[in-house]
Amino acid sequence: MQKPRQSYTLEFKRKAVAMGNTHCSIIRASRELGTSAENIRRWKSQLDDERLGNRAKQTTESTLLQLKRLRRELAEVKLERDILKKAASILFSRTQVKFEFIREHRDCYPVENICKILSVSKSSYYYWNDRKPSKRALHNLILLDQIKIIHNRNKKRYGSPRIARELKVSGFHASEKLVRKLMKQASMQSVLKRKFKTTTDSSHSYPVAENKLDREFTVGGENQAWVSDITYIRTAKRWLY
């Protein structure tokens, strides 16, 4: 009759492997514990595999955590780069200009990141954003709307002096200096019409070719009359014709 297979607990296996390592002899440990040396060798291999598996698992988890951290840092760097591209022109501007930039771009980027790049306090921005506009600010907003209407109605050719006169006629009292200031803040400029410059000098002592055609363009055949036009060539020194 076949002898039933003996069952060993995990603690017994670990004890047997530890004794084999301590005594430097698996055979001696097997005799003391009443088991075979083959069992202890197998248990030792199994425990080593288990430790290696745990070590590999820990290494994998550590690598994944490090990769996750690097991805997060990379995303933050990209975000700061995008904000800096748009905010480069106002880095040394007044605080109010920076606050206006934050309010304009708060739907695209986190407020905390923009404040960090512009070196302003987040609490200061929220205080500025939540406060109600003054009567002067409201008056300037209404005035700016009227300035835009006059500016567009006159094909953007009016500057601050003429717009100030138009505002006065419409019942809005504003100085030319204030109009110029509001137009500058809104990046509004008057379109100047280019003046005509005469380039032909008729007062000279050079010989003048005879006008043989005398505007008589009717001819009886080919190659009987030739006409041409003057082409002005722009050079670095003067006009040639």
C-alpha atoms as a PDB file:
ATOM      1  CA  MET A   1       0.000   0.000   0.000  1.00  0.00           C
ATOM      2  CA  GLN A   2       1.348   3.430  -1.003  1.00  0.00           C
ATOM      3  CA  LYS A   3       2.378   5.620   1.891  1.00  0.00           C
ATOM      4  CA  PRO A   4       0.305   8.815   2.066  1.00  0.00           C
ATOM      5  CA  ARG A   5       2.135  11.956   1.047  1.00  0.00           C
ATOM      6  CA  GLN A   6       3.074  14.081   4.007  1.00  0.00           C
ATOM      7  CA  SER A   7       1.931  17.728   4.022  1.00  0.00           C
ATOM      8  CA  TYR A   8       4.184  20.512   5.312  1.00  0.00           C
ATOM      9  CA  THR A   9       3.216  23.996   6.347  1.00  0.00           C
ATOM     10  CA  LEU A  10       4.789  27.135   4.877  1.00  0.00           C
ATOM     11  CA  GLU A  11       6.459  27.932   8.205  1.00  0.00           C
ATOM     12  CA  PHE A  12       8.006  24.455   8.324  1.00  0.00           C
ATOM     13  CA  LYS A  13       9.379  24.883   4.805  1.00  0.00           C
ATOM     14  CA  ARG A  14      10.881  28.260   5.644  1.00  0.00           C
ATOM     15  CA  LYS A  15      12.395  26.831   8.829  1.00  0.00           C
ATOM     16  CA  ALA A  16      13.941  23.952   6.925  1.00  0.00           C
ATOM     17  CA  VAL A  17      15.434  26.274   4.306  1.00  0.00           C
ATOM     18  CA  ALA A  18      16.749  28.599   7.057  1.00  0.00           C
ATOM     19  CA  MET A  19      18.393  25.685   8.872  1.00  0.00           C
ATOM     20  CA  GLY A  20      19.968  24.495   5.652  1.00  0.00           C
ATOM     21  CA  ASN A  21      21.424  27.953   5.089  1.00  0.00           C
ATOM     22  CA  THR A  22      22.566  28.297   8.720  1.00  0.00           C
ATOM     23  CA  HIS A  23      24.247  24.884   8.988  1.00  0.00           C
ATOM     24  CA  CYS A  24      25.540  25.143   5.424  1.00  0.00           C
ATOM     25  CA  SER A  25      24.253  21.617   4.988  1.00  0.00           C
ATOM     26  CA  ILE A  26      20.849  20.674   3.633  1.00  0.00           C
ATOM     27  CA  ILE A  27      21.432  17.009   4.503  1.00  0.00           C
ATOM     28  CA  ARG A  28      22.019  17.828   8.155  1.00  0.00           C
ATOM     29  CA  ALA A  29      18.921  19.976   8.290  1.00  0.00           C
ATOM     30  CA  SER A  30      16.837  17.234   6.664  1.00  0.00           C
ATOM     31  CA  ARG A  31      17.952  14.708   9.299  1.00  0.00           C
ATOM     32  CA  GLU A  32      17.110  17.013  12.185  1.00  0.00           C
ATOM     33  CA  LEU A  33      13.674  17.829  10.765  1.00  0.00           C
ATOM     34  CA  GLY A  34      12.867  14.341   9.548  1.00  0.00           C
ATOM     35  CA  THR A  35      12.390  15.156   5.905  1.00  0.00           C
ATOM     36  CA  SER A  36      14.335  14.562   2.733  1.00  0.00           C
ATOM     37  CA  ALA A  37      17.107  16.809   1.445  1.00  0.00           C
ATOM     38  CA  GLU A  38      15.303  16.922  -1.936  1.00  0.00           C
ATOM     39  CA  ASN A  39      12.296  18.522  -0.275  1.00  0.00           C
ATOM     40  CA  ILE A  40      14.441  21.252   1.297  1.00  0.00           C
ATOM     41  CA  ARG A  41      16.160  21.920  -2.069  1.00  0.00           C
ATOM     42  CA  ARG A  42      12.760  22.224  -3.773  1.00  0.00           C
ATOM     43  CA  TRP A  43      11.395  24.489  -1.040  1.00  0.00           C
ATOM     44  CA  LYS A  44      14.507  26.658  -1.238  1.00  0.00           C
ATOM     45  CA  SER A  45      14.032  27.046  -5.000  1.00  0.00           C
ATOM     46  CA  GLN A  46      10.372  27.886  -4.565  1.00  0.00           C
ATOM     47  CA  LEU A  47      11.088  30.502  -1.888  1.00  0.00           C
ATOM     48  CA  ASP A  48      13.870  32.004  -3.992  1.00  0.00           C
ATOM     49  CA  ASP A  49      11.507  32.269  -6.943  1.00  0.00           C
ATOM     50  CA  GLU A  50       8.912  33.878  -4.721  1.00  0.00           C
ATOM     51  CA  ARG A  51      11.408  36.437  -3.416  1.00  0.00           C
ATOM     52  CA  LEU A  52      12.612  37.158  -6.941  1.00  0.00           C
ATOM     53  CA  GLY A  53       9.021  37.583  -8.078  1.00  0.00           C
ATOM     54  CA  ASN A  54       8.303  40.013  -5.256  1.00  0.00           C
ATOM     55  CA  ARG A  55      11.502  41.901  -6.013  1.00  0.00           C
ATOM     56  CA  ALA A  56      10.611  42.106  -9.721  1.00  0.00           C
ATOM     57  CA  LYS A  57       7.112  43.246  -8.821  1.00  0.00           C
ATOM     58  CA  GLN A  58       8.480  45.956  -6.547  1.00  0.00           C
ATOM     59  CA  THR A  59      10.905  47.065  -9.257  1.00  0.00           C
ATOM     60  CA  THR A  60       8.069  47.257 -11.800  1.00  0.00           C
ATOM     61  CA  GLU A  61       5.891  49.269  -9.442  1.00  0.00           C
ATOM     62  CA  SER A  62       8.763  51.641  -8.713  1.00  0.00           C
ATOM     63  CA  THR A  63       9.406  52.111 -12.443  1.00  0.00           C
ATOM     64  CA  LEU A  64       5.750  52.826 -13.105  1.00  0.00           C
ATOM     65  CA  LEU A  65       5.604  55.381 -10.300  1.00  0.00           C
ATOM     66  CA  GLN A  66       8.726  57.088 -11.612  1.00  0.00           C
ATOM     67  CA  LEU A  67       7.322  57.114 -15.158  1.00  0.00           C
ATOM     68  CA  LYS A  68       4.069  58.594 -13.884  1.00  0.00           C
ATOM     69  CA  ARG A  69       5.995  61.315 -12.032  1.00  0.00           C
ATOM     70  CA  LEU A  70       8.072  62.158 -15.116  1.00  0.00           C
ATOM     71  CA  ARG A  71       4.966  62.400 -17.281  1.00  0.00           C
ATOM     72  CA  ARG A  72       3.362  64.742 -14.770  1.00  0.00           C
ATOM     73  CA  GLU A  73       6.470  66.942 -14.665  1.00  0.00           C
ATOM     74  CA  LEU A  74       6.636  66.979 -18.476  1.00  0.00           C
ATOM     75  CA  ALA A  75       3.003  68.072 -18.697  1.00  0.00           C
ATOM     76  CA  GLU A  76       3.707  70.907 -16.235  1.00  0.00           C
ATOM     77  CA  VAL A  77       6.731  72.045 -18.259  1.00  0.00           C
ATOM     78  CA  LYS A  78       4.703  72.046 -21.497  1.00  0.00           C
ATOM     79  CA  LEU A  79       1.932  74.024 -19.795  1.00  0.00           C
ATOM     80  CA  GLU A  80       4.395  76.617 -18.500  1.00  0.00           C
ATOM     81  CA  ARG A  81       5.975  76.866 -21.951  1.00  0.00           C
ATOM     82  CA  ASP A  82       2.603  77.535 -23.616  1.00  0.00           C
ATOM     83  CA  ILE A  83       1.688  80.178 -21.039  1.00  0.00           C
ATOM     84  CA  LEU A  84       5.091  81.843 -21.353  1.00  0.00           C
ATOM     85  CA  LYS A  85       4.742  82.087 -25.132  1.00  0.00           C
ATOM     86  CA  LYS A  86       1.566  84.147 -24.791  1.00  0.00           C
ATOM     87  CA  ALA A  87       2.629  86.125 -21.720  1.00  0.00           C
ATOM     88  CA  ALA A  88       6.175  87.000 -22.817  1.00  0.00           C
ATOM     89  CA  SER A  89       5.207  90.536 -23.846  1.00  0.00           C
ATOM     90  CA  ILE A  90       3.698  91.442 -20.438  1.00  0.00           C
ATOM     91  CA  LEU A  91       6.240  89.911 -18.046  1.00  0.00           C
ATOM     92  CA  PHE A  92       7.463  93.376 -17.034  1.00  0.00           C
ATOM     93  CA  SER A  93       4.128  95.172 -17.357  1.00  0.00           C
ATOM     94  CA  ARG A  94       1.999  96.643 -14.604  1.00  0.00           C
ATOM     95  CA  THR A  95       0.138  94.315 -12.240  1.00  0.00           C
ATOM     96  CA  GLN A  96      -3.241  95.322 -13.645  1.00  0.00           C
ATOM     97  CA  VAL A  97      -2.130  94.308 -17.146  1.00  0.00           C
ATOM     98  CA  LYS A  98      -1.104  90.916 -15.785  1.00  0.00           C
ATOM     99  CA  PHE A  99      -4.446  90.523 -14.001  1.00  0.00           C
ATOM    100  CA  GLU A 100      -6.289  91.306 -17.227  1.00  0.00           C
ATOM    101  CA  PHE A 101      -4.207  88.664 -19.035  1.00  0.00           C
ATOM    102  CA  ILE A 102      -5.082  86.096 -16.351  1.00  0.00           C
ATOM    103  CA  ARG A 103      -8.793  86.860 -16.630  1.00  0.00           C
ATOM    104  CA  GLU A 104      -8.604  86.576 -20.410  1.00  0.00           C
ATOM    105  CA  HIS A 105      -6.832  83.187 -20.370  1.00  0.00           C
ATOM    106  CA  ARG A 106      -8.243  81.576 -17.212  1.00  0.00           C
ATOM    107  CA  ASP A 107     -10.466  79.264 -19.286  1.00  0.00           C
ATOM    108  CA  CYS A 108      -7.411  77.941 -21.168  1.00  0.00           C
ATOM    109  CA  TYR A 109      -4.874  77.568 -18.352  1.00  0.00           C
ATOM    110  CA  PRO A 110      -5.040  77.118 -14.565  1.00  0.00           C
ATOM    111  CA  VAL A 111      -4.969  80.430 -12.715  1.00  0.00           C
ATOM    112  CA  GLU A 112      -2.340  79.137 -10.287  1.00  0.00           C
ATOM    113  CA  ASN A 113       0.129  78.379 -13.101  1.00  0.00           C
ATOM    114  CA  ILE A 114      -0.386  81.755 -14.790  1.00  0.00           C
ATOM    115  CA  CYS A 115       0.110  83.595 -11.488  1.00  0.00           C
ATOM    116  CA  LYS A 116       3.324  81.658 -10.860  1.00  0.00           C
ATOM    117  CA  ILE A 117       4.781  82.593 -14.257  1.00  0.00           C
ATOM    118  CA  LEU A 118       3.724  86.247 -13.997  1.00  0.00           C
ATOM    119  CA  SER A 119       4.997  86.466 -10.392  1.00  0.00           C
ATOM    120  CA  VAL A 120       1.717  87.706  -8.941  1.00  0.00           C
ATOM    121  CA  SER A 121      -0.293  86.521  -5.975  1.00  0.00           C
ATOM    122  CA  LYS A 122      -3.311  84.351  -6.700  1.00  0.00           C
ATOM    123  CA  SER A 123      -5.245  85.877  -3.806  1.00  0.00           C
ATOM    124  CA  SER A 124      -4.483  89.376  -5.126  1.00  0.00           C
ATOM    125  CA  TYR A 125      -5.821  88.421  -8.525  1.00  0.00           C
ATOM    126  CA  TYR A 126      -9.079  87.058  -7.073  1.00  0.00           C
ATOM    127  CA  TYR A 127      -9.488  90.200  -4.973  1.00  0.00           C
ATOM    128  CA  TRP A 128      -8.970  92.355  -8.078  1.00  0.00           C
ATOM    129  CA  ASN A 129     -11.299  90.205 -10.170  1.00  0.00           C
ATOM    130  CA  ASP A 130     -14.132  90.184  -7.622  1.00  0.00           C
ATOM    131  CA  ARG A 131     -14.177  93.910  -6.922  1.00  0.00           C
ATOM    132  CA  LYS A 132     -16.775  96.073  -8.661  1.00  0.00           C
ATOM    133  CA  PRO A 133     -15.599  98.536 -11.349  1.00  0.00           C
ATOM    134  CA  SER A 134     -15.486 102.202 -10.349  1.00  0.00           C
ATOM    135  CA  LYS A 135     -17.704 104.893 -11.848  1.00  0.00           C
ATOM    136  CA  ARG A 136     -14.757 106.209 -13.849  1.00  0.00           C
ATOM    137  CA  ALA A 137     -14.057 102.733 -15.276  1.00  0.00           C
ATOM    138  CA  LEU A 138     -17.701 102.335 -16.297  1.00  0.00           C
ATOM    139  CA  HIS A 139     -17.673 105.793 -17.875  1.00  0.00           C
ATOM    140  CA  ASN A 140     -14.521 104.936 -19.827  1.00  0.00           C
ATOM    141  CA  LEU A 141     -16.092 101.706 -21.098  1.00  0.00           C
ATOM    142  CA  ILE A 142     -19.123 103.608 -22.414  1.00  0.00           C
ATOM    143  CA  LEU A 143     -16.817 106.236 -23.886  1.00  0.00           C
ATOM    144  CA  LEU A 144     -14.706 103.579 -25.594  1.00  0.00           C
ATOM    145  CA  ASP A 145     -17.795 102.093 -27.246  1.00  0.00           C
ATOM    146  CA  GLN A 146     -18.650 105.526 -28.684  1.00  0.00           C
ATOM    147  CA  ILE A 147     -15.067 105.993 -29.853  1.00  0.00           C
ATOM    148  CA  LYS A 148     -15.201 102.662 -31.706  1.00  0.00           C
ATOM    149  CA  ILE A 149     -18.488 103.657 -33.369  1.00  0.00           C
ATOM    150  CA  ILE A 150     -17.055 106.968 -34.596  1.00  0.00           C
ATOM    151  CA  HIS A 151     -13.778 105.349 -35.609  1.00  0.00           C
ATOM    152  CA  ASN A 152     -15.470 102.657 -37.721  1.00  0.00           C
ATOM    153  CA  ARG A 153     -18.054 105.044 -39.170  1.00  0.00           C
ATOM    154  CA  ASN A 154     -15.285 107.202 -40.615  1.00  0.00           C
ATOM    155  CA  LYS A 155     -13.371 104.249 -42.102  1.00  0.00           C
ATOM    156  CA  LYS A 156     -10.848 104.371 -39.223  1.00  0.00           C
ATOM    157  CA  ARG A 157      -9.350 107.618 -40.527  1.00  0.00           C
ATOM    158  CA  TYR A 158     -10.185 109.799 -37.519  1.00  0.00           C
ATOM    159  CA  GLY A 159      -7.581 110.345 -34.841  1.00  0.00           C
ATOM    160  CA  SER A 160      -8.059 111.514 -31.254  1.00  0.00           C
ATOM    161  CA  PRO A 161      -8.594 115.250 -32.093  1.00  0.00           C
ATOM    162  CA  ARG A 162     -11.454 114.721 -34.529  1.00  0.00           C
ATOM    163  CA  ILE A 163     -12.984 111.907 -32.446  1.00  0.00           C
ATOM    164  CA  ALA A 164     -12.945 114.205 -29.393  1.00  0.00           C
ATOM    165  CA  ARG A 165     -14.837 116.841 -31.412  1.00  0.00           C
ATOM    166  CA  GLU A 166     -17.349 114.226 -32.611  1.00  0.00           C
ATOM    167  CA  LEU A 167     -17.895 113.077 -29.026  1.00  0.00           C
ATOM    168  CA  LYS A 168     -18.545 116.635 -27.912  1.00  0.00           C
ATOM    169  CA  VAL A 169     -21.167 117.076 -30.633  1.00  0.00           C
ATOM    170  CA  SER A 170     -22.806 113.805 -29.498  1.00  0.00           C
ATOM    171  CA  GLY A 171     -22.947 114.979 -25.884  1.00  0.00           C
ATOM    172  CA  PHE A 172     -19.939 113.080 -24.510  1.00  0.00           C
ATOM    173  CA  HIS A 173     -17.420 115.379 -22.881  1.00  0.00           C
ATOM    174  CA  ALA A 174     -13.926 113.873 -23.079  1.00  0.00           C
ATOM    175  CA  SER A 175     -10.550 115.478 -23.533  1.00  0.00           C
ATOM    176  CA  GLU A 176      -8.331 114.669 -26.481  1.00  0.00           C
ATOM    177  CA  LYS A 177      -5.777 113.228 -24.048  1.00  0.00           C
ATOM    178  CA  LEU A 178      -8.324 110.777 -22.608  1.00  0.00           C
ATOM    179  CA  VAL A 179      -9.496 109.746 -26.079  1.00  0.00           C
ATOM    180  CA  ARG A 180      -5.904 109.127 -27.131  1.00  0.00           C
ATOM    181  CA  LYS A 181      -5.300 107.058 -23.978  1.00  0.00           C
ATOM    182  CA  LEU A 182      -8.386 104.878 -24.498  1.00  0.00           C
ATOM    183  CA  MET A 183      -7.549 104.373 -28.174  1.00  0.00           C
ATOM    184  CA  LYS A 184      -4.029 103.285 -27.259  1.00  0.00           C
ATOM    185  CA  GLN A 185      -5.319 100.795 -24.695  1.00  0.00           C
ATOM    186  CA  ALA A 186      -7.695  99.351 -27.332  1.00  0.00           C
ATOM    187  CA  SER A 187      -4.896  99.283 -29.987  1.00  0.00           C
ATOM    188  CA  MET A 188      -6.848 101.672 -32.216  1.00  0.00           C
ATOM    189  CA  GLN A 189      -4.970 103.780 -34.760  1.00  0.00           C
ATOM    190  CA  SER A 190      -6.073 106.169 -37.462  1.00  0.00           C
ATOM    191  CA  VAL A 191      -5.382 105.189 -41.041  1.00  0.00           C
ATOM    192  CA  LEU A 192      -3.364 107.930 -42.730  1.00  0.00           C
ATOM    193  CA  LYS A 193      -3.944 108.516 -46.411  1.00  0.00           C
ATOM    194  CA  ARG A 194      -0.740 108.468 -48.369  1.00  0.00           C
ATOM    195  CA  LYS A 195      -0.037 111.830 -49.964  1.00  0.00           C
ATOM    196  CA  PHE A 196       0.541 111.999 -53.706  1.00  0.00           C
ATOM    197  CA  LYS A 197       4.158 112.617 -54.556  1.00  0.00           C
ATOM    198  CA  THR A 198       5.050 114.184 -57.898  1.00  0.00           C
ATOM    199  CA  THR A 199       8.064 112.467 -59.436  1.00  0.00           C
ATOM    200  CA  THR A 200       8.098 114.119 -62.867  1.00  0.00           C
ATOM    201  CA  ASP A 201      10.371 117.158 -63.196  1.00  0.00           C
ATOM    202  CA  SER A 202       9.228 119.252 -66.165  1.00  0.00           C
ATOM    203  CA  SER A 203      11.600 122.150 -65.454  1.00  0.00           C
ATOM    204  CA  HIS A 204      14.844 120.946 -67.030  1.00  0.00           C
ATOM    205  CA  SER A 205      17.169 121.822 -69.884  1.00  0.00           C
ATOM    206  CA  TYR A 206      17.367 118.337 -71.389  1.00  0.00           C
ATOM    207  CA  PRO A 207      16.294 117.817 -75.008  1.00  0.00           C
ATOM    208  CA  VAL A 208      12.690 116.705 -75.421  1.00  0.00           C
ATOM    209  CA  ALA A 209      11.808 114.209 -78.155  1.00  0.00           C
ATOM    210  CA  GLU A 210       9.357 115.390 -80.755  1.00  0.00           C
ATOM    211  CA  ASN A 211       5.809 114.102 -80.447  1.00  0.00           C
ATOM    212  CA  LYS A 212       5.475 112.787 -83.955  1.00  0.00           C
ATOM    213  CA  LEU A 213       2.410 110.663 -83.302  1.00  0.00           C
ATOM    214  CA  ASP A 214       0.456 113.538 -81.710  1.00  0.00           C
ATOM    215  CA  ARG A 215      -2.221 111.102 -80.430  1.00  0.00           C
ATOM    216  CA  GLU A 216      -3.002 109.940 -83.937  1.00  0.00           C
ATOM    217  CA  PHE A 217      -3.390 106.221 -83.331  1.00  0.00           C
ATOM    218  CA  THR A 218      -5.027 105.315 -86.662  1.00  0.00           C
ATOM    219  CA  VAL A 219      -2.484 103.686 -89.008  1.00  0.00           C
ATOM    220  CA  GLY A 220      -2.793 101.854 -92.302  1.00  0.00           C
ATOM    221  CA  GLY A 221      -0.464  98.932 -91.591  1.00  0.00           C
ATOM    222  CA  GLU A 222       1.925  97.226 -89.184  1.00  0.00           C
ATOM    223  CA  ASN A 223       5.167  98.734 -87.891  1.00  0.00           C
ATOM    224  CA  GLN A 224       4.160 102.287 -88.819  1.00  0.00           C
ATOM    225  CA  ALA A 225       3.823 103.631 -85.254  1.00  0.00           C
ATOM    226  CA  TRP A 226       5.240 102.498 -81.939  1.00  0.00           C
ATOM    227  CA  VAL A 227       4.240 103.717 -78.480  1.00  0.00           C
ATOM    228  CA  SER A 228       5.640 103.017 -75.046  1.00  0.00           C
ATOM    229  CA  ASP A 229       5.188 103.900 -71.381  1.00  0.00           C
ATOM    230  CA  ILE A 230       7.601 105.212 -68.766  1.00  0.00           C
ATOM    231  CA  THR A 231       8.619 102.711 -66.092  1.00  0.00           C
ATOM    232  CA  TYR A 232      10.022 104.090 -62.840  1.00  0.00           C
ATOM    233  CA  ILE A 233      12.788 102.030 -61.288  1.00  0.00           C
ATOM    234  CA  ARG A 234      13.270 102.420 -57.517  1.00  0.00           C
ATOM    235  CA  THR A 235      16.932 102.541 -56.476  1.00  0.00           C
ATOM    236  CA  ALA A 236      18.717 103.223 -53.232  1.00  0.00           C
ATOM    237  CA  LYS A 237      19.827 106.725 -54.329  1.00  0.00           C
ATOM    238  CA  ARG A 238      17.251 108.298 -56.609  1.00  0.00           C
ATOM    239  CA  TRP A 239      14.490 107.655 -59.108  1.00  0.00           C
ATOM    240  CA  LEU A 240      15.473 106.754 -62.630  1.00  0.00           C
ATOM    241  CA  TYR A 241      13.143 107.176 -65.567  1.00  0.00           C
END
